[in-house]
Amino acid sequence: MRTLGIDLGTKRVGLALSDEGGRIATPLEVLTISSPEQALQKVLPVIENEGVARVVLGLPLNMDGTFGGAALAALSWGRQLAAKSDKTVLYVDERLSSFAAEQSLIDRKKAGEKLTRRRKKEQLDAVAAAAFLQEFLDGRLQPLDEKWLARQCGSTDNF
């Protein structure tokens, strides 16, 4: 089952894709966007073209685990994506994923890979998406509970 990992931002969207067996996540690409609607328009063809069966969307929770504006926006966007793609969207806590991705890129540079500041910035969001997607595939990162999500955002709608 192919799974797409999405690290949603306001300017960039990092995408990572699993293999057919759902065991290995790899960075796919970083999309440059100017609006959430544009992000939907760019992600929907990826889902179709890559044969994605489900989506894992990172929620940028506050460090204390509460919802802020970015998490609420990501949750709303994920609901739109689920409705338009007819795919299951699972939400995971992506706190510190960008930090871990940056450390990974620093380690790659130290190992001799040629990474300019610009190239690092271009890859960061896809590497972050791949990191939390791999943790999900390995069973180390569980999807957030739908009832908990509903309570946090004050909604009784199903996710």
N, C-alpha and C. Protein backbone atom coordinates (compact mmCIF):
# COMPACT_ATOMS: atom_id res chain seq x y z
N MET A 1 0.85 -1.17 0.00
CA MET A 1 0.00 0.00 0.00
C MET A 1 0.89 1.24 0.00
N ARG A 2 0.78 2.04 -1.03
CA ARG A 2 1.58 3.27 -1.11
C ARG A 2 0.97 4.34 -0.23
N THR A 3 1.82 4.97 0.54
CA THR A 3 1.40 6.02 1.47
C THR A 3 2.17 7.28 1.13
N LEU A 4 1.46 8.40 1.10
CA LEU A 4 2.07 9.71 0.86
C LEU A 4 2.16 10.45 2.18
N GLY A 5 3.35 10.91 2.53
CA GLY A 5 3.55 11.74 3.70
C GLY A 5 3.59 13.20 3.26
N ILE A 6 2.89 14.06 4.00
CA ILE A 6 2.82 15.47 3.64
C ILE A 6 3.20 16.34 4.83
N ASP A 7 4.20 17.19 4.61
CA ASP A 7 4.59 18.22 5.57
C ASP A 7 4.09 19.54 4.99
N LEU A 8 2.93 19.99 5.46
CA LEU A 8 2.25 21.16 4.91
C LEU A 8 2.77 22.44 5.54
N GLY A 9 3.15 23.38 4.69
CA GLY A 9 3.56 24.69 5.15
C GLY A 9 2.78 25.75 4.39
N THR A 10 3.03 27.01 4.72
CA THR A 10 2.32 28.09 4.03
C THR A 10 2.99 28.46 2.72
N LYS A 11 4.27 28.13 2.57
CA LYS A 11 4.99 28.44 1.34
C LYS A 11 5.51 27.21 0.61
N ARG A 12 5.77 26.14 1.38
CA ARG A 12 6.29 24.91 0.80
C ARG A 12 5.55 23.71 1.39
N VAL A 13 5.41 22.68 0.55
CA VAL A 13 4.79 21.42 0.97
C VAL A 13 5.78 20.31 0.66
N GLY A 14 6.23 19.64 1.70
CA GLY A 14 7.14 18.52 1.53
C GLY A 14 6.37 17.23 1.33
N LEU A 15 6.77 16.46 0.32
CA LEU A 15 6.11 15.19 0.02
C LEU A 15 7.11 14.06 0.13
N ALA A 16 6.66 12.95 0.70
CA ALA A 16 7.45 11.73 0.77
C ALA A 16 6.53 10.58 0.39
N LEU A 17 7.09 9.54 -0.19
CA LEU A 17 6.29 8.43 -0.68
C LEU A 17 6.88 7.12 -0.20
N SER A 18 5.99 6.20 0.16
CA SER A 18 6.45 4.87 0.53
C SER A 18 6.53 3.99 -0.70
N ASP A 19 7.24 2.89 -0.56
CA ASP A 19 7.26 1.89 -1.62
C ASP A 19 5.92 1.15 -1.63
N GLU A 20 5.72 0.29 -2.63
CA GLU A 20 4.46 -0.46 -2.76
C GLU A 20 4.16 -1.29 -1.51
N GLY A 21 5.19 -1.83 -0.90
CA GLY A 21 5.00 -2.67 0.28
C GLY A 21 4.75 -1.88 1.56
N GLY A 22 4.86 -0.56 1.49
CA GLY A 22 4.63 0.27 2.67
C GLY A 22 5.69 0.11 3.73
N ARG A 23 6.94 -0.12 3.32
CA ARG A 23 8.01 -0.32 4.30
C ARG A 23 9.04 0.79 4.32
N ILE A 24 9.30 1.41 3.16
CA ILE A 24 10.37 2.40 3.08
C ILE A 24 9.83 3.73 2.56
N ALA A 25 10.13 4.79 3.28
CA ALA A 25 9.72 6.14 2.88
C ALA A 25 10.91 6.87 2.28
N THR A 26 10.68 7.56 1.18
CA THR A 26 11.73 8.37 0.57
C THR A 26 11.18 9.76 0.25
N PRO A 27 12.02 10.78 0.38
CA PRO A 27 11.58 12.12 0.00
C PRO A 27 11.20 12.13 -1.48
N LEU A 28 10.11 12.80 -1.81
CA LEU A 28 9.65 12.85 -3.20
C LEU A 28 9.95 14.21 -3.82
N GLU A 29 9.37 15.26 -3.25
CA GLU A 29 9.59 16.60 -3.78
C GLU A 29 9.07 17.64 -2.80
N VAL A 30 9.46 18.87 -3.06
CA VAL A 30 8.95 20.01 -2.31
C VAL A 30 8.21 20.90 -3.29
N LEU A 31 6.95 21.16 -3.00
CA LEU A 31 6.12 22.01 -3.83
C LEU A 31 6.14 23.43 -3.28
N THR A 32 6.29 24.39 -4.14
CA THR A 32 6.19 25.79 -3.73
C THR A 32 4.76 26.23 -3.98
N ILE A 33 4.15 26.80 -2.95
CA ILE A 33 2.74 27.19 -3.04
C ILE A 33 2.54 28.62 -2.54
N SER A 34 1.39 29.19 -2.90
CA SER A 34 1.05 30.51 -2.40
C SER A 34 -0.26 30.49 -1.62
N SER A 35 -0.96 29.33 -1.61
CA SER A 35 -2.23 29.24 -0.88
C SER A 35 -2.55 27.77 -0.60
N PRO A 36 -3.42 27.52 0.37
CA PRO A 36 -3.83 26.13 0.63
C PRO A 36 -4.53 25.51 -0.58
N GLU A 37 -5.29 26.31 -1.30
CA GLU A 37 -5.98 25.81 -2.49
C GLU A 37 -4.96 25.35 -3.54
N GLN A 38 -3.91 26.11 -3.71
CA GLN A 38 -2.87 25.73 -4.66
C GLN A 38 -2.19 24.43 -4.22
N ALA A 39 -2.02 24.27 -2.93
CA ALA A 39 -1.44 23.03 -2.42
C ALA A 39 -2.32 21.83 -2.79
N LEU A 40 -3.63 21.97 -2.63
CA LEU A 40 -4.55 20.90 -3.03
C LEU A 40 -4.41 20.60 -4.51
N GLN A 41 -4.38 21.63 -5.32
CA GLN A 41 -4.28 21.45 -6.78
C GLN A 41 -3.00 20.73 -7.18
N LYS A 42 -1.93 20.93 -6.42
CA LYS A 42 -0.65 20.28 -6.75
C LYS A 42 -0.53 18.88 -6.16
N VAL A 43 -1.18 18.63 -5.03
CA VAL A 43 -1.06 17.33 -4.36
C VAL A 43 -1.99 16.29 -4.98
N LEU A 44 -3.18 16.69 -5.40
CA LEU A 44 -4.14 15.74 -5.95
C LEU A 44 -3.59 14.95 -7.14
N PRO A 45 -2.91 15.57 -8.11
CA PRO A 45 -2.33 14.78 -9.20
C PRO A 45 -1.23 13.81 -8.73
N VAL A 46 -0.50 14.17 -7.71
CA VAL A 46 0.53 13.28 -7.17
C VAL A 46 -0.14 12.01 -6.62
N ILE A 47 -1.23 12.20 -5.89
CA ILE A 47 -1.97 11.06 -5.34
C ILE A 47 -2.42 10.14 -6.46
N GLU A 48 -2.97 10.73 -7.51
CA GLU A 48 -3.46 9.95 -8.64
C GLU A 48 -2.32 9.27 -9.40
N ASN A 49 -1.29 10.02 -9.75
CA ASN A 49 -0.19 9.49 -10.57
C ASN A 49 0.65 8.44 -9.86
N GLU A 50 0.77 8.55 -8.55
CA GLU A 50 1.63 7.62 -7.80
C GLU A 50 0.87 6.43 -7.22
N GLY A 51 -0.44 6.38 -7.43
CA GLY A 51 -1.21 5.25 -6.90
C GLY A 51 -1.27 5.22 -5.39
N VAL A 52 -1.40 6.38 -4.78
CA VAL A 52 -1.43 6.50 -3.32
C VAL A 52 -2.74 5.95 -2.77
N ALA A 53 -2.65 5.12 -1.74
CA ALA A 53 -3.84 4.54 -1.10
C ALA A 53 -4.26 5.31 0.14
N ARG A 54 -3.29 5.93 0.82
CA ARG A 54 -3.60 6.71 2.02
C ARG A 54 -2.57 7.81 2.18
N VAL A 55 -2.93 8.79 3.01
CA VAL A 55 -2.09 9.95 3.23
C VAL A 55 -1.81 10.09 4.72
N VAL A 56 -0.58 10.40 5.05
CA VAL A 56 -0.20 10.71 6.43
C VAL A 56 0.20 12.18 6.44
N LEU A 57 -0.59 12.98 7.13
CA LEU A 57 -0.38 14.44 7.18
C LEU A 57 0.14 14.83 8.55
N GLY A 58 1.26 15.52 8.56
CA GLY A 58 1.84 15.98 9.81
C GLY A 58 1.08 17.18 10.36
N LEU A 59 0.72 17.11 11.64
CA LEU A 59 0.08 18.24 12.31
C LEU A 59 1.13 18.94 13.18
N PRO A 60 1.36 20.23 12.92
CA PRO A 60 2.35 20.97 13.71
C PRO A 60 1.76 21.44 15.04
N LEU A 61 1.68 20.51 15.99
CA LEU A 61 1.15 20.85 17.30
C LEU A 61 2.13 21.75 18.04
N ASN A 62 1.61 22.50 18.99
CA ASN A 62 2.47 23.31 19.84
C ASN A 62 3.33 22.36 20.68
N MET A 63 4.43 22.85 21.21
CA MET A 63 5.33 22.00 21.99
C MET A 63 4.65 21.38 23.20
N ASP A 64 3.61 22.01 23.73
CA ASP A 64 2.90 21.44 24.87
C ASP A 64 1.77 20.50 24.43
N GLY A 65 1.67 20.23 23.11
CA GLY A 65 0.68 19.29 22.59
C GLY A 65 -0.66 19.90 22.25
N THR A 66 -0.79 21.20 22.41
CA THR A 66 -2.06 21.85 22.10
C THR A 66 -2.10 22.27 20.63
N PHE A 67 -3.30 22.61 20.21
CA PHE A 67 -3.51 23.06 18.84
C PHE A 67 -3.32 24.57 18.75
N GLY A 68 -2.58 24.99 17.74
CA GLY A 68 -2.46 26.40 17.40
C GLY A 68 -3.07 26.61 16.02
N GLY A 69 -2.89 27.78 15.50
CA GLY A 69 -3.45 28.12 14.20
C GLY A 69 -2.93 27.24 13.08
N ALA A 70 -1.65 26.91 13.09
CA ALA A 70 -1.07 26.09 12.02
C ALA A 70 -1.65 24.67 12.05
N ALA A 71 -1.84 24.11 13.23
CA ALA A 71 -2.41 22.76 13.34
C ALA A 71 -3.87 22.75 12.89
N LEU A 72 -4.61 23.77 13.27
CA LEU A 72 -6.01 23.85 12.84
C LEU A 72 -6.10 24.01 11.32
N ALA A 73 -5.21 24.81 10.74
CA ALA A 73 -5.20 24.99 9.28
C ALA A 73 -4.85 23.67 8.58
N ALA A 74 -3.88 22.94 9.11
CA ALA A 74 -3.49 21.66 8.52
C ALA A 74 -4.63 20.65 8.62
N LEU A 75 -5.31 20.64 9.75
CA LEU A 75 -6.44 19.73 9.93
C LEU A 75 -7.55 20.04 8.93
N SER A 76 -7.86 21.31 8.77
CA SER A 76 -8.88 21.72 7.80
C SER A 76 -8.47 21.34 6.38
N TRP A 77 -7.20 21.57 6.04
CA TRP A 77 -6.69 21.24 4.72
C TRP A 77 -6.77 19.72 4.48
N GLY A 78 -6.42 18.96 5.50
CA GLY A 78 -6.48 17.50 5.39
C GLY A 78 -7.89 17.00 5.16
N ARG A 79 -8.84 17.62 5.79
CA ARG A 79 -10.24 17.24 5.58
C ARG A 79 -10.67 17.53 4.14
N GLN A 80 -10.21 18.66 3.60
CA GLN A 80 -10.51 18.98 2.20
C GLN A 80 -9.85 17.97 1.26
N LEU A 81 -8.62 17.61 1.56
CA LEU A 81 -7.89 16.64 0.75
C LEU A 81 -8.62 15.30 0.76
N ALA A 82 -9.07 14.86 1.91
CA ALA A 82 -9.79 13.59 2.02
C ALA A 82 -11.07 13.62 1.19
N ALA A 83 -11.78 14.74 1.25
CA ALA A 83 -13.03 14.85 0.50
C ALA A 83 -12.79 14.85 -1.01
N LYS A 84 -11.74 15.53 -1.45
CA LYS A 84 -11.49 15.65 -2.89
C LYS A 84 -10.78 14.44 -3.48
N SER A 85 -10.04 13.71 -2.67
CA SER A 85 -9.28 12.57 -3.18
C SER A 85 -9.94 11.24 -2.89
N ASP A 86 -10.87 11.23 -1.95
CA ASP A 86 -11.52 10.00 -1.50
C ASP A 86 -10.49 9.01 -0.92
N LYS A 87 -9.43 9.54 -0.30
CA LYS A 87 -8.40 8.72 0.34
C LYS A 87 -8.46 8.95 1.84
N THR A 88 -8.03 7.95 2.58
CA THR A 88 -7.93 8.08 4.03
C THR A 88 -6.79 9.03 4.35
N VAL A 89 -7.05 10.01 5.20
CA VAL A 89 -6.01 10.91 5.66
C VAL A 89 -5.83 10.67 7.16
N LEU A 90 -4.64 10.26 7.53
CA LEU A 90 -4.29 10.05 8.93
C LEU A 90 -3.42 11.22 9.37
N TYR A 91 -3.57 11.63 10.60
CA TYR A 91 -2.83 12.77 11.14
C TYR A 91 -1.84 12.28 12.17
N VAL A 92 -0.62 12.79 12.08
CA VAL A 92 0.42 12.43 13.05
C VAL A 92 1.03 13.70 13.63
N ASP A 93 1.55 13.57 14.82
CA ASP A 93 2.23 14.67 15.50
C ASP A 93 3.60 14.84 14.86
N GLU A 94 3.83 15.98 14.22
CA GLU A 94 5.11 16.20 13.54
C GLU A 94 6.01 17.19 14.25
N ARG A 95 5.78 17.39 15.55
CA ARG A 95 6.66 18.27 16.29
C ARG A 95 8.11 17.79 16.15
N LEU A 96 8.98 18.71 15.93
CA LEU A 96 10.42 18.46 15.81
C LEU A 96 10.83 17.72 14.53
N SER A 97 9.90 17.47 13.60
CA SER A 97 10.30 16.77 12.38
C SER A 97 11.23 17.62 11.52
N SER A 98 11.01 18.92 11.47
CA SER A 98 11.88 19.78 10.68
C SER A 98 13.27 19.85 11.32
N PHE A 99 13.32 19.87 12.65
CA PHE A 99 14.61 19.87 13.34
C PHE A 99 15.37 18.58 13.03
N ALA A 100 14.69 17.44 13.10
CA ALA A 100 15.33 16.16 12.81
C ALA A 100 15.79 16.10 11.36
N ALA A 101 14.97 16.65 10.45
CA ALA A 101 15.35 16.66 9.04
C ALA A 101 16.58 17.52 8.81
N GLU A 102 16.64 18.65 9.48
CA GLU A 102 17.80 19.53 9.33
C GLU A 102 19.05 18.84 9.84
N GLN A 103 18.94 18.12 10.95
CA GLN A 103 20.09 17.38 11.49
C GLN A 103 20.53 16.31 10.49
N SER A 104 19.57 15.66 9.86
CA SER A 104 19.89 14.64 8.86
C SER A 104 20.66 15.24 7.69
N LEU A 105 20.22 16.41 7.22
CA LEU A 105 20.92 17.07 6.11
C LEU A 105 22.31 17.53 6.53
N ILE A 106 22.47 17.99 7.76
CA ILE A 106 23.79 18.38 8.27
C ILE A 106 24.72 17.17 8.29
N ASP A 107 24.18 16.02 8.74
CA ASP A 107 24.98 14.80 8.77
C ASP A 107 25.39 14.37 7.36
N ARG A 108 24.49 14.51 6.40
CA ARG A 108 24.82 14.16 5.02
C ARG A 108 25.92 15.07 4.48
N LYS A 109 25.86 16.34 4.83
CA LYS A 109 26.89 17.28 4.37
C LYS A 109 28.24 16.93 5.00
N LYS A 110 28.22 16.61 6.29
CA LYS A 110 29.46 16.22 6.97
C LYS A 110 30.06 14.95 6.37
N ALA A 111 29.20 14.09 5.83
CA ALA A 111 29.66 12.85 5.22
C ALA A 111 30.19 13.06 3.80
N GLY A 112 30.16 14.30 3.33
CA GLY A 112 30.76 14.60 2.05
C GLY A 112 29.80 14.97 0.93
N GLU A 113 28.51 14.91 1.20
CA GLU A 113 27.55 15.28 0.15
C GLU A 113 27.61 16.78 -0.09
N LYS A 114 27.55 17.17 -1.34
CA LYS A 114 27.56 18.60 -1.71
C LYS A 114 26.16 19.17 -1.51
N LEU A 115 25.98 19.90 -0.43
CA LEU A 115 24.69 20.52 -0.13
C LEU A 115 24.90 22.01 0.10
N THR A 116 24.41 22.80 -0.82
CA THR A 116 24.45 24.25 -0.64
C THR A 116 23.31 24.64 0.29
N ARG A 117 23.35 25.83 0.80
CA ARG A 117 22.28 26.33 1.65
C ARG A 117 20.95 26.28 0.90
N ARG A 118 20.98 26.66 -0.38
CA ARG A 118 19.76 26.66 -1.19
C ARG A 118 19.23 25.23 -1.37
N ARG A 119 20.11 24.30 -1.68
CA ARG A 119 19.70 22.91 -1.89
C ARG A 119 19.16 22.31 -0.60
N LYS A 120 19.76 22.66 0.52
CA LYS A 120 19.29 22.18 1.81
C LYS A 120 17.88 22.67 2.08
N LYS A 121 17.64 23.95 1.80
CA LYS A 121 16.32 24.54 1.99
C LYS A 121 15.29 23.87 1.08
N GLU A 122 15.71 23.55 -0.16
CA GLU A 122 14.81 22.91 -1.11
C GLU A 122 14.42 21.51 -0.67
N GLN A 123 15.29 20.80 0.01
CA GLN A 123 15.04 19.42 0.41
C GLN A 123 14.41 19.26 1.79
N LEU A 124 14.54 20.26 2.63
CA LEU A 124 14.19 20.13 4.04
C LEU A 124 12.78 19.59 4.28
N ASP A 125 11.78 20.14 3.62
CA ASP A 125 10.40 19.74 3.89
C ASP A 125 10.11 18.31 3.43
N ALA A 126 10.70 17.90 2.30
CA ALA A 126 10.51 16.52 1.84
C ALA A 126 11.23 15.53 2.77
N VAL A 127 12.38 15.91 3.27
CA VAL A 127 13.11 15.05 4.21
C VAL A 127 12.33 14.94 5.53
N ALA A 128 11.73 16.04 5.97
CA ALA A 128 10.89 16.01 7.18
C ALA A 128 9.69 15.09 6.99
N ALA A 129 9.04 15.19 5.82
CA ALA A 129 7.89 14.32 5.53
C ALA A 129 8.32 12.86 5.51
N ALA A 130 9.48 12.58 4.91
CA ALA A 130 9.98 11.21 4.86
C ALA A 130 10.29 10.68 6.26
N ALA A 131 10.79 11.55 7.12
CA ALA A 131 11.14 11.13 8.49
C ALA A 131 9.89 10.70 9.26
N PHE A 132 8.85 11.54 9.26
CA PHE A 132 7.68 11.13 10.05
C PHE A 132 6.90 10.02 9.34
N LEU A 133 6.96 9.95 8.00
CA LEU A 133 6.32 8.84 7.30
C LEU A 133 7.02 7.53 7.65
N GLN A 134 8.36 7.53 7.70
CA GLN A 134 9.09 6.31 8.05
C GLN A 134 8.76 5.87 9.47
N GLU A 135 8.68 6.82 10.40
CA GLU A 135 8.32 6.47 11.78
C GLU A 135 6.92 5.86 11.82
N PHE A 136 6.00 6.41 11.03
CA PHE A 136 4.65 5.86 10.95
C PHE A 136 4.68 4.44 10.38
N LEU A 137 5.39 4.24 9.28
CA LEU A 137 5.46 2.92 8.65
C LEU A 137 6.08 1.88 9.58
N ASP A 138 7.06 2.32 10.39
CA ASP A 138 7.72 1.42 11.34
C ASP A 138 6.89 1.15 12.59
N GLY A 139 5.77 1.86 12.74
CA GLY A 139 4.92 1.68 13.92
C GLY A 139 5.38 2.47 15.13
N ARG A 140 6.36 3.36 14.96
CA ARG A 140 6.85 4.17 16.08
C ARG A 140 6.06 5.46 16.26
N LEU A 141 5.24 5.82 15.26
CA LEU A 141 4.45 7.04 15.31
C LEU A 141 3.02 6.67 14.96
N GLN A 142 2.16 6.72 15.96
CA GLN A 142 0.77 6.32 15.77
C GLN A 142 -0.07 7.50 15.28
N PRO A 143 -1.10 7.21 14.47
CA PRO A 143 -1.99 8.31 14.06
C PRO A 143 -2.70 8.88 15.28
N LEU A 144 -2.97 10.16 15.23
CA LEU A 144 -3.67 10.81 16.34
C LEU A 144 -5.11 10.32 16.37
N ASP A 145 -5.62 10.13 17.55
CA ASP A 145 -6.97 9.63 17.76
C ASP A 145 -8.01 10.63 17.24
N GLU A 146 -8.96 10.14 16.45
CA GLU A 146 -9.96 11.01 15.84
C GLU A 146 -10.83 11.72 16.88
N LYS A 147 -11.18 11.03 17.95
CA LYS A 147 -12.00 11.66 18.99
C LYS A 147 -11.22 12.77 19.68
N TRP A 148 -9.94 12.53 19.91
CA TRP A 148 -9.09 13.56 20.53
C TRP A 148 -8.99 14.77 19.60
N LEU A 149 -8.80 14.52 18.29
CA LEU A 149 -8.73 15.61 17.33
C LEU A 149 -10.02 16.44 17.34
N ALA A 150 -11.14 15.75 17.37
CA ALA A 150 -12.43 16.45 17.38
C ALA A 150 -12.57 17.32 18.62
N ARG A 151 -12.15 16.80 19.77
CA ARG A 151 -12.23 17.60 21.01
C ARG A 151 -11.31 18.81 20.95
N GLN A 152 -10.11 18.62 20.39
CA GLN A 152 -9.13 19.71 20.34
C GLN A 152 -9.59 20.86 19.46
N CYS A 153 -10.25 20.53 18.36
CA CYS A 153 -10.66 21.61 17.46
C CYS A 153 -12.12 22.00 17.64
N GLY A 154 -12.77 21.42 18.63
CA GLY A 154 -14.15 21.81 18.92
C GLY A 154 -15.14 21.37 17.87
N SER A 155 -14.85 20.26 17.20
CA SER A 155 -15.71 19.77 16.14
C SER A 155 -16.23 18.39 16.50
N THR A 156 -17.46 18.10 16.12
CA THR A 156 -18.00 16.76 16.33
C THR A 156 -18.02 15.97 15.03
N ASP A 157 -17.52 16.57 13.96
CA ASP A 157 -17.49 15.87 12.66
C ASP A 157 -16.51 14.71 12.73
N ASN A 158 -16.79 13.68 11.96
CA ASN A 158 -15.85 12.56 11.87
C ASN A 158 -14.67 12.95 11.01
N PHE A 159 -13.54 12.37 11.31
CA PHE A 159 -12.32 12.63 10.53
C PHE A 159 -12.06 11.46 9.60
